[in-house]
Amino acid sequence: MFEQPLRIGGGLLRRLAAAGWRAAQAVWDWYRELGHGDDSEARGLRLLREWLTPEQLAQYETHKYFDVTGCHSGKRYRIRHGTGTNVHELDDAGRPKDGWCFVPRDCLVAGDVMLAQKIALETNEQSALAIARRFSPRWAAL
């Protein structure tokens, strides 16, 4: 008479929920990048894209990060999408070596923060790192 409830084991339900959340987040990101939703987010990302080199733009479009070269040391830094703890110094193999946290004083959207970080590292790396807080990057984050 009564059917057995559907049993999903081995974390399948959790994986399905996570996949659904990722899909919903991707749709929302796409919606915002088209200029809908929060206008300041869309304007910040548009401005960032205008300032990126073609190589950096391709990286950002594919991976949501881009690499910059420090003007004083020649070191490579990876700036991930975000507003803090999103700058990683890379070793010669491209792995994260150190993390650097420095952000503008005002509360800004991610595109504006990443653009400020890019300009700081490419034009005044020493001053940017002098105020930055070093942290240990998690390898899994990259």
N, C-alpha and C. Protein backbone atom coordinates (compact mmCIF):
# COMPACT_ATOMS: atom_id res chain seq x y z
N MET A 1 0.80 -1.19 0.00
CA MET A 1 0.00 0.00 0.00
C MET A 1 0.84 1.26 0.00
N PHE A 2 1.73 1.36 0.98
CA PHE A 2 2.57 2.55 1.07
C PHE A 2 3.89 2.26 0.39
N GLU A 3 4.36 3.25 -0.36
CA GLU A 3 5.66 3.08 -1.01
C GLU A 3 6.77 3.40 -0.03
N GLN A 4 7.89 2.77 -0.24
CA GLN A 4 9.07 3.05 0.57
C GLN A 4 9.60 4.44 0.21
N PRO A 5 10.05 5.20 1.19
CA PRO A 5 10.64 6.50 0.87
C PRO A 5 11.93 6.30 0.06
N LEU A 6 12.20 7.25 -0.81
CA LEU A 6 13.41 7.21 -1.62
C LEU A 6 14.61 7.38 -0.71
N ARG A 7 15.50 6.43 -0.74
CA ARG A 7 16.71 6.51 0.07
C ARG A 7 17.89 6.80 -0.84
N ILE A 8 18.55 7.86 -0.51
CA ILE A 8 19.73 8.24 -1.29
C ILE A 8 20.92 8.20 -0.35
N GLY A 9 21.84 7.31 -0.62
CA GLY A 9 22.97 7.13 0.28
C GLY A 9 24.27 7.62 -0.32
N GLY A 10 25.29 7.53 0.49
CA GLY A 10 26.64 7.85 0.02
C GLY A 10 26.85 9.32 -0.30
N GLY A 11 26.04 10.18 0.25
CA GLY A 11 26.23 11.61 0.01
C GLY A 11 25.71 12.10 -1.33
N LEU A 12 24.93 11.28 -2.02
CA LEU A 12 24.41 11.66 -3.33
C LEU A 12 23.54 12.91 -3.21
N LEU A 13 22.67 12.95 -2.22
CA LEU A 13 21.80 14.11 -2.04
C LEU A 13 22.63 15.37 -1.82
N ARG A 14 23.67 15.26 -1.02
CA ARG A 14 24.54 16.41 -0.74
C ARG A 14 25.23 16.88 -2.03
N ARG A 15 25.70 15.92 -2.85
CA ARG A 15 26.36 16.29 -4.11
C ARG A 15 25.38 16.93 -5.08
N LEU A 16 24.15 16.41 -5.12
CA LEU A 16 23.14 17.00 -5.99
C LEU A 16 22.79 18.42 -5.54
N ALA A 17 22.67 18.63 -4.24
CA ALA A 17 22.37 19.96 -3.72
C ALA A 17 23.51 20.93 -4.03
N ALA A 18 24.75 20.47 -3.88
CA ALA A 18 25.90 21.33 -4.18
C ALA A 18 25.94 21.68 -5.66
N ALA A 19 25.66 20.71 -6.52
CA ALA A 19 25.64 20.98 -7.95
C ALA A 19 24.53 21.98 -8.29
N GLY A 20 23.39 21.84 -7.66
CA GLY A 20 22.29 22.78 -7.88
C GLY A 20 22.66 24.18 -7.42
N TRP A 21 23.34 24.29 -6.29
CA TRP A 21 23.77 25.59 -5.78
C TRP A 21 24.78 26.23 -6.73
N ARG A 22 25.73 25.44 -7.24
CA ARG A 22 26.71 25.98 -8.19
C ARG A 22 26.03 26.46 -9.46
N ALA A 23 25.06 25.71 -9.94
CA ALA A 23 24.34 26.12 -11.15
C ALA A 23 23.57 27.42 -10.91
N ALA A 24 22.92 27.52 -9.77
CA ALA A 24 22.17 28.74 -9.44
C ALA A 24 23.12 29.93 -9.32
N GLN A 25 24.27 29.73 -8.70
CA GLN A 25 25.26 30.81 -8.56
C GLN A 25 25.79 31.24 -9.93
N ALA A 26 26.02 30.30 -10.83
CA ALA A 26 26.50 30.62 -12.18
C ALA A 26 25.47 31.45 -12.93
N VAL A 27 24.19 31.10 -12.79
CA VAL A 27 23.13 31.86 -13.46
C VAL A 27 23.07 33.27 -12.88
N TRP A 28 23.17 33.40 -11.57
CA TRP A 28 23.13 34.72 -10.93
C TRP A 28 24.33 35.55 -11.35
N ASP A 29 25.52 34.97 -11.40
CA ASP A 29 26.72 35.70 -11.86
C ASP A 29 26.53 36.19 -13.29
N TRP A 30 26.01 35.32 -14.15
CA TRP A 30 25.76 35.69 -15.54
C TRP A 30 24.74 36.83 -15.61
N TYR A 31 23.69 36.74 -14.82
CA TYR A 31 22.65 37.76 -14.77
C TYR A 31 23.25 39.11 -14.36
N ARG A 32 24.09 39.10 -13.33
CA ARG A 32 24.72 40.35 -12.87
C ARG A 32 25.68 40.90 -13.91
N GLU A 33 26.46 40.05 -14.56
CA GLU A 33 27.43 40.51 -15.55
C GLU A 33 26.74 41.12 -16.77
N LEU A 34 25.50 40.76 -17.02
CA LEU A 34 24.75 41.38 -18.11
C LEU A 34 24.24 42.77 -17.72
N GLY A 35 24.48 43.17 -16.48
CA GLY A 35 24.08 44.50 -16.06
C GLY A 35 22.80 44.53 -15.25
N HIS A 36 22.29 43.38 -14.86
CA HIS A 36 21.09 43.31 -14.04
C HIS A 36 21.50 43.14 -12.58
N GLY A 37 20.56 43.26 -11.71
CA GLY A 37 20.87 43.08 -10.30
C GLY A 37 21.53 44.34 -9.76
N ASP A 38 22.59 44.19 -9.03
CA ASP A 38 23.29 45.31 -8.41
C ASP A 38 24.14 46.02 -9.46
N ASP A 39 23.77 47.24 -9.81
CA ASP A 39 24.48 47.99 -10.86
C ASP A 39 25.94 48.25 -10.49
N SER A 40 26.24 48.49 -9.22
CA SER A 40 27.63 48.78 -8.84
C SER A 40 28.52 47.57 -9.10
N GLU A 41 28.02 46.37 -8.87
CA GLU A 41 28.80 45.16 -9.17
C GLU A 41 29.10 45.08 -10.66
N ALA A 42 28.09 45.28 -11.48
CA ALA A 42 28.27 45.20 -12.93
C ALA A 42 29.22 46.28 -13.42
N ARG A 43 29.09 47.50 -12.90
CA ARG A 43 30.00 48.58 -13.32
C ARG A 43 31.43 48.29 -12.90
N GLY A 44 31.62 47.75 -11.70
CA GLY A 44 32.96 47.41 -11.23
C GLY A 44 33.61 46.35 -12.10
N LEU A 45 32.85 45.32 -12.47
CA LEU A 45 33.40 44.27 -13.33
C LEU A 45 33.67 44.78 -14.74
N ARG A 46 32.81 45.66 -15.23
CA ARG A 46 33.04 46.25 -16.56
C ARG A 46 34.33 47.07 -16.57
N LEU A 47 34.52 47.89 -15.54
CA LEU A 47 35.74 48.70 -15.46
C LEU A 47 36.98 47.82 -15.34
N LEU A 48 36.91 46.79 -14.52
CA LEU A 48 38.04 45.87 -14.38
C LEU A 48 38.40 45.27 -15.74
N ARG A 49 37.40 44.79 -16.46
CA ARG A 49 37.65 44.16 -17.77
C ARG A 49 38.31 45.14 -18.74
N GLU A 50 37.94 46.41 -18.66
CA GLU A 50 38.54 47.41 -19.55
C GLU A 50 40.02 47.61 -19.27
N TRP A 51 40.44 47.40 -18.03
CA TRP A 51 41.84 47.63 -17.64
C TRP A 51 42.72 46.39 -17.78
N LEU A 52 42.13 45.22 -17.93
CA LEU A 52 42.91 44.00 -18.05
C LEU A 52 43.53 43.89 -19.44
N THR A 53 44.75 43.32 -19.49
CA THR A 53 45.35 43.02 -20.79
C THR A 53 44.55 41.89 -21.43
N PRO A 54 44.71 41.66 -22.72
CA PRO A 54 43.98 40.54 -23.34
C PRO A 54 44.27 39.20 -22.66
N GLU A 55 45.53 38.98 -22.24
CA GLU A 55 45.87 37.72 -21.56
C GLU A 55 45.19 37.64 -20.19
N GLN A 56 45.20 38.74 -19.45
CA GLN A 56 44.56 38.76 -18.14
C GLN A 56 43.05 38.57 -18.27
N LEU A 57 42.46 39.20 -19.28
CA LEU A 57 41.02 39.07 -19.49
C LEU A 57 40.65 37.63 -19.82
N ALA A 58 41.44 36.97 -20.65
CA ALA A 58 41.18 35.57 -20.98
C ALA A 58 41.28 34.70 -19.73
N GLN A 59 42.30 34.96 -18.89
CA GLN A 59 42.43 34.22 -17.63
C GLN A 59 41.21 34.44 -16.76
N TYR A 60 40.80 35.70 -16.61
CA TYR A 60 39.69 36.02 -15.73
C TYR A 60 38.39 35.40 -16.23
N GLU A 61 38.15 35.47 -17.52
CA GLU A 61 36.93 34.90 -18.08
C GLU A 61 36.87 33.39 -17.88
N THR A 62 38.03 32.74 -17.93
CA THR A 62 38.08 31.28 -17.81
C THR A 62 38.10 30.82 -16.36
N HIS A 63 38.91 31.50 -15.51
CA HIS A 63 39.17 30.98 -14.17
C HIS A 63 38.72 31.89 -13.02
N LYS A 64 38.26 33.10 -13.32
CA LYS A 64 37.91 34.09 -12.29
C LYS A 64 39.13 34.53 -11.49
N TYR A 65 40.29 34.53 -12.12
CA TYR A 65 41.50 35.14 -11.57
C TYR A 65 42.35 35.60 -12.73
N PHE A 66 43.34 36.45 -12.43
CA PHE A 66 44.31 36.87 -13.44
C PHE A 66 45.64 37.10 -12.74
N ASP A 67 46.73 36.99 -13.51
CA ASP A 67 48.08 37.15 -12.97
C ASP A 67 48.62 38.53 -13.32
N VAL A 68 49.37 39.11 -12.39
CA VAL A 68 50.06 40.37 -12.63
C VAL A 68 51.53 40.18 -12.23
N THR A 69 52.38 41.07 -12.73
CA THR A 69 53.80 41.04 -12.40
C THR A 69 54.12 42.27 -11.58
N GLY A 70 54.75 42.07 -10.44
CA GLY A 70 55.14 43.18 -9.58
C GLY A 70 56.18 44.06 -10.27
N CYS A 71 56.00 45.37 -10.16
CA CYS A 71 56.87 46.30 -10.88
C CYS A 71 58.29 46.35 -10.31
N HIS A 72 58.48 46.07 -9.05
CA HIS A 72 59.82 46.15 -8.45
C HIS A 72 60.55 44.83 -8.45
N SER A 73 59.87 43.76 -8.09
CA SER A 73 60.53 42.46 -7.91
C SER A 73 60.43 41.55 -9.14
N GLY A 74 59.44 41.81 -9.99
CA GLY A 74 59.19 40.91 -11.11
C GLY A 74 58.47 39.64 -10.70
N LYS A 75 58.04 39.56 -9.43
CA LYS A 75 57.30 38.38 -8.96
C LYS A 75 55.92 38.34 -9.59
N ARG A 76 55.39 37.11 -9.72
CA ARG A 76 54.04 36.93 -10.23
C ARG A 76 53.06 36.83 -9.07
N TYR A 77 51.94 37.51 -9.23
CA TYR A 77 50.86 37.48 -8.25
C TYR A 77 49.59 37.07 -8.98
N ARG A 78 48.76 36.32 -8.31
CA ARG A 78 47.46 35.93 -8.84
C ARG A 78 46.39 36.63 -8.02
N ILE A 79 45.55 37.38 -8.71
CA ILE A 79 44.44 38.08 -8.06
C ILE A 79 43.16 37.32 -8.41
N ARG A 80 42.57 36.73 -7.38
CA ARG A 80 41.34 35.96 -7.55
C ARG A 80 40.14 36.88 -7.35
N HIS A 81 39.02 36.52 -7.90
CA HIS A 81 37.79 37.30 -7.73
C HIS A 81 37.47 37.38 -6.24
N GLY A 82 37.32 38.59 -5.73
CA GLY A 82 36.99 38.76 -4.33
C GLY A 82 37.39 40.13 -3.83
N THR A 83 37.16 40.34 -2.54
CA THR A 83 37.43 41.65 -1.95
C THR A 83 38.45 41.60 -0.81
N GLY A 84 39.03 40.47 -0.55
CA GLY A 84 40.04 40.36 0.50
C GLY A 84 40.64 38.96 0.52
N THR A 85 41.84 38.85 1.03
CA THR A 85 42.62 37.60 1.04
C THR A 85 42.56 36.90 -0.32
N ASN A 86 42.67 37.69 -1.37
CA ASN A 86 42.53 37.15 -2.72
C ASN A 86 43.77 37.34 -3.59
N VAL A 87 44.88 37.78 -3.01
CA VAL A 87 46.12 37.97 -3.76
C VAL A 87 47.12 36.93 -3.30
N HIS A 88 47.64 36.15 -4.25
CA HIS A 88 48.61 35.10 -3.94
C HIS A 88 49.89 35.32 -4.74
N GLU A 89 51.00 35.31 -4.05
CA GLU A 89 52.30 35.34 -4.72
C GLU A 89 52.58 33.92 -5.20
N LEU A 90 53.02 33.78 -6.44
CA LEU A 90 53.23 32.46 -7.03
C LEU A 90 54.72 32.13 -7.07
N ASP A 91 55.04 30.85 -6.89
CA ASP A 91 56.44 30.42 -7.05
C ASP A 91 56.72 30.19 -8.53
N ASP A 92 57.91 29.71 -8.83
CA ASP A 92 58.31 29.52 -10.23
C ASP A 92 57.45 28.49 -10.96
N ALA A 93 56.84 27.57 -10.21
CA ALA A 93 55.99 26.54 -10.81
C ALA A 93 54.52 27.00 -10.91
N GLY A 94 54.23 28.22 -10.46
CA GLY A 94 52.86 28.73 -10.53
C GLY A 94 51.99 28.33 -9.36
N ARG A 95 52.61 27.82 -8.29
CA ARG A 95 51.87 27.44 -7.09
C ARG A 95 51.87 28.61 -6.11
N PRO A 96 50.82 28.73 -5.29
CA PRO A 96 50.77 29.82 -4.31
C PRO A 96 51.87 29.66 -3.27
N LYS A 97 52.63 30.72 -3.07
CA LYS A 97 53.73 30.72 -2.11
C LYS A 97 53.31 31.46 -0.83
N ASP A 98 52.83 32.67 -1.01
CA ASP A 98 52.35 33.50 0.09
C ASP A 98 51.06 34.17 -0.33
N GLY A 99 50.25 34.48 0.66
CA GLY A 99 49.05 35.26 0.40
C GLY A 99 49.24 36.66 0.94
N TRP A 100 48.65 37.64 0.27
CA TRP A 100 48.75 39.04 0.69
C TRP A 100 47.35 39.64 0.73
N CYS A 101 47.03 40.28 1.84
CA CYS A 101 45.73 40.92 1.98
C CYS A 101 45.92 42.42 2.09
N PHE A 102 45.49 43.13 1.07
CA PHE A 102 45.45 44.60 1.11
C PHE A 102 44.27 45.05 0.27
N VAL A 103 43.51 45.97 0.82
CA VAL A 103 42.28 46.43 0.17
C VAL A 103 42.16 47.94 0.35
N PRO A 104 41.38 48.58 -0.50
CA PRO A 104 41.12 50.02 -0.31
C PRO A 104 40.40 50.27 1.01
N ARG A 105 40.51 51.48 1.51
CA ARG A 105 39.88 51.82 2.78
C ARG A 105 38.36 51.73 2.72
N ASP A 106 37.79 52.17 1.62
CA ASP A 106 36.33 52.18 1.49
C ASP A 106 35.81 50.80 1.12
N CYS A 107 34.54 50.60 1.38
CA CYS A 107 33.88 49.34 1.02
C CYS A 107 33.52 49.41 -0.46
N LEU A 108 34.21 48.60 -1.26
CA LEU A 108 34.01 48.61 -2.70
C LEU A 108 33.59 47.23 -3.19
N VAL A 109 33.03 47.19 -4.38
CA VAL A 109 32.65 45.92 -5.00
C VAL A 109 33.91 45.21 -5.48
N ALA A 110 33.78 43.92 -5.74
CA ALA A 110 34.94 43.08 -6.07
C ALA A 110 35.72 43.61 -7.27
N GLY A 111 35.07 44.01 -8.34
CA GLY A 111 35.77 44.50 -9.53
C GLY A 111 36.66 45.69 -9.21
N ASP A 112 36.16 46.62 -8.40
CA ASP A 112 36.93 47.80 -8.04
C ASP A 112 38.12 47.43 -7.15
N VAL A 113 37.92 46.51 -6.21
CA VAL A 113 39.01 46.08 -5.33
C VAL A 113 40.11 45.40 -6.14
N MET A 114 39.73 44.49 -7.03
CA MET A 114 40.72 43.77 -7.83
C MET A 114 41.48 44.72 -8.75
N LEU A 115 40.80 45.74 -9.29
CA LEU A 115 41.48 46.72 -10.14
C LEU A 115 42.48 47.52 -9.31
N ALA A 116 42.11 47.92 -8.11
CA ALA A 116 43.03 48.65 -7.24
C ALA A 116 44.24 47.78 -6.90
N GLN A 117 44.03 46.50 -6.64
CA GLN A 117 45.14 45.60 -6.33
C GLN A 117 46.06 45.44 -7.53
N LYS A 118 45.49 45.31 -8.71
CA LYS A 118 46.27 45.18 -9.95
C LYS A 118 47.15 46.41 -10.14
N ILE A 119 46.54 47.59 -10.06
CA ILE A 119 47.29 48.83 -10.28
C ILE A 119 48.37 48.99 -9.22
N ALA A 120 48.07 48.68 -7.97
CA ALA A 120 49.05 48.81 -6.89
C ALA A 120 50.27 47.92 -7.14
N LEU A 121 50.05 46.67 -7.49
CA LEU A 121 51.17 45.74 -7.70
C LEU A 121 51.97 46.10 -8.95
N GLU A 122 51.30 46.58 -9.98
CA GLU A 122 52.00 46.89 -11.23
C GLU A 122 52.69 48.25 -11.22
N THR A 123 52.31 49.13 -10.30
CA THR A 123 52.90 50.47 -10.30
C THR A 123 53.64 50.84 -9.02
N ASN A 124 53.32 50.18 -7.89
CA ASN A 124 53.97 50.52 -6.62
C ASN A 124 53.94 49.30 -5.70
N GLU A 125 54.52 48.23 -6.16
CA GLU A 125 54.50 46.94 -5.46
C GLU A 125 55.01 47.06 -4.03
N GLN A 126 56.12 47.75 -3.83
CA GLN A 126 56.72 47.83 -2.49
C GLN A 126 55.79 48.48 -1.49
N SER A 127 55.15 49.56 -1.87
CA SER A 127 54.22 50.23 -0.95
C SER A 127 53.00 49.37 -0.66
N ALA A 128 52.50 48.67 -1.68
CA ALA A 128 51.34 47.80 -1.48
C ALA A 128 51.67 46.70 -0.48
N LEU A 129 52.83 46.07 -0.65
CA LEU A 129 53.21 44.97 0.25
C LEU A 129 53.58 45.47 1.64
N ALA A 130 54.03 46.73 1.73
CA ALA A 130 54.39 47.29 3.04
C ALA A 130 53.17 47.40 3.95
N ILE A 131 51.99 47.62 3.37
CA ILE A 131 50.78 47.72 4.20
C ILE A 131 49.99 46.43 4.24
N ALA A 132 50.36 45.47 3.40
CA ALA A 132 49.60 44.21 3.29
C ALA A 132 49.86 43.30 4.49
N ARG A 133 48.90 42.46 4.76
CA ARG A 133 49.07 41.40 5.76
C ARG A 133 49.33 40.10 5.02
N ARG A 134 50.39 39.43 5.43
CA ARG A 134 50.75 38.15 4.81
C ARG A 134 49.92 37.05 5.45
N PHE A 135 49.51 36.09 4.65
CA PHE A 135 48.80 34.92 5.17
C PHE A 135 49.25 33.70 4.39
N SER A 136 48.99 32.55 4.95
CA SER A 136 49.36 31.30 4.31
C SER A 136 48.22 30.86 3.40
N PRO A 137 48.46 30.81 2.08
CA PRO A 137 47.37 30.43 1.19
C PRO A 137 47.06 28.94 1.29
N ARG A 138 45.82 28.62 1.13
CA ARG A 138 45.43 27.22 1.09
C ARG A 138 45.59 26.73 -0.33
N TRP A 139 46.33 25.69 -0.54
CA TRP A 139 46.58 25.20 -1.89
C TRP A 139 45.29 24.81 -2.60
N ALA A 140 44.31 24.36 -1.84
CA ALA A 140 43.05 23.91 -2.45
C ALA A 140 42.27 25.08 -3.04
N ALA A 141 42.54 26.30 -2.58
CA ALA A 141 41.81 27.45 -3.08
C ALA A 141 42.17 27.77 -4.51
N LEU A 142 43.33 27.32 -4.96
CA LEU A 142 43.72 27.62 -6.34
C LEU A 142 43.50 26.41 -7.17
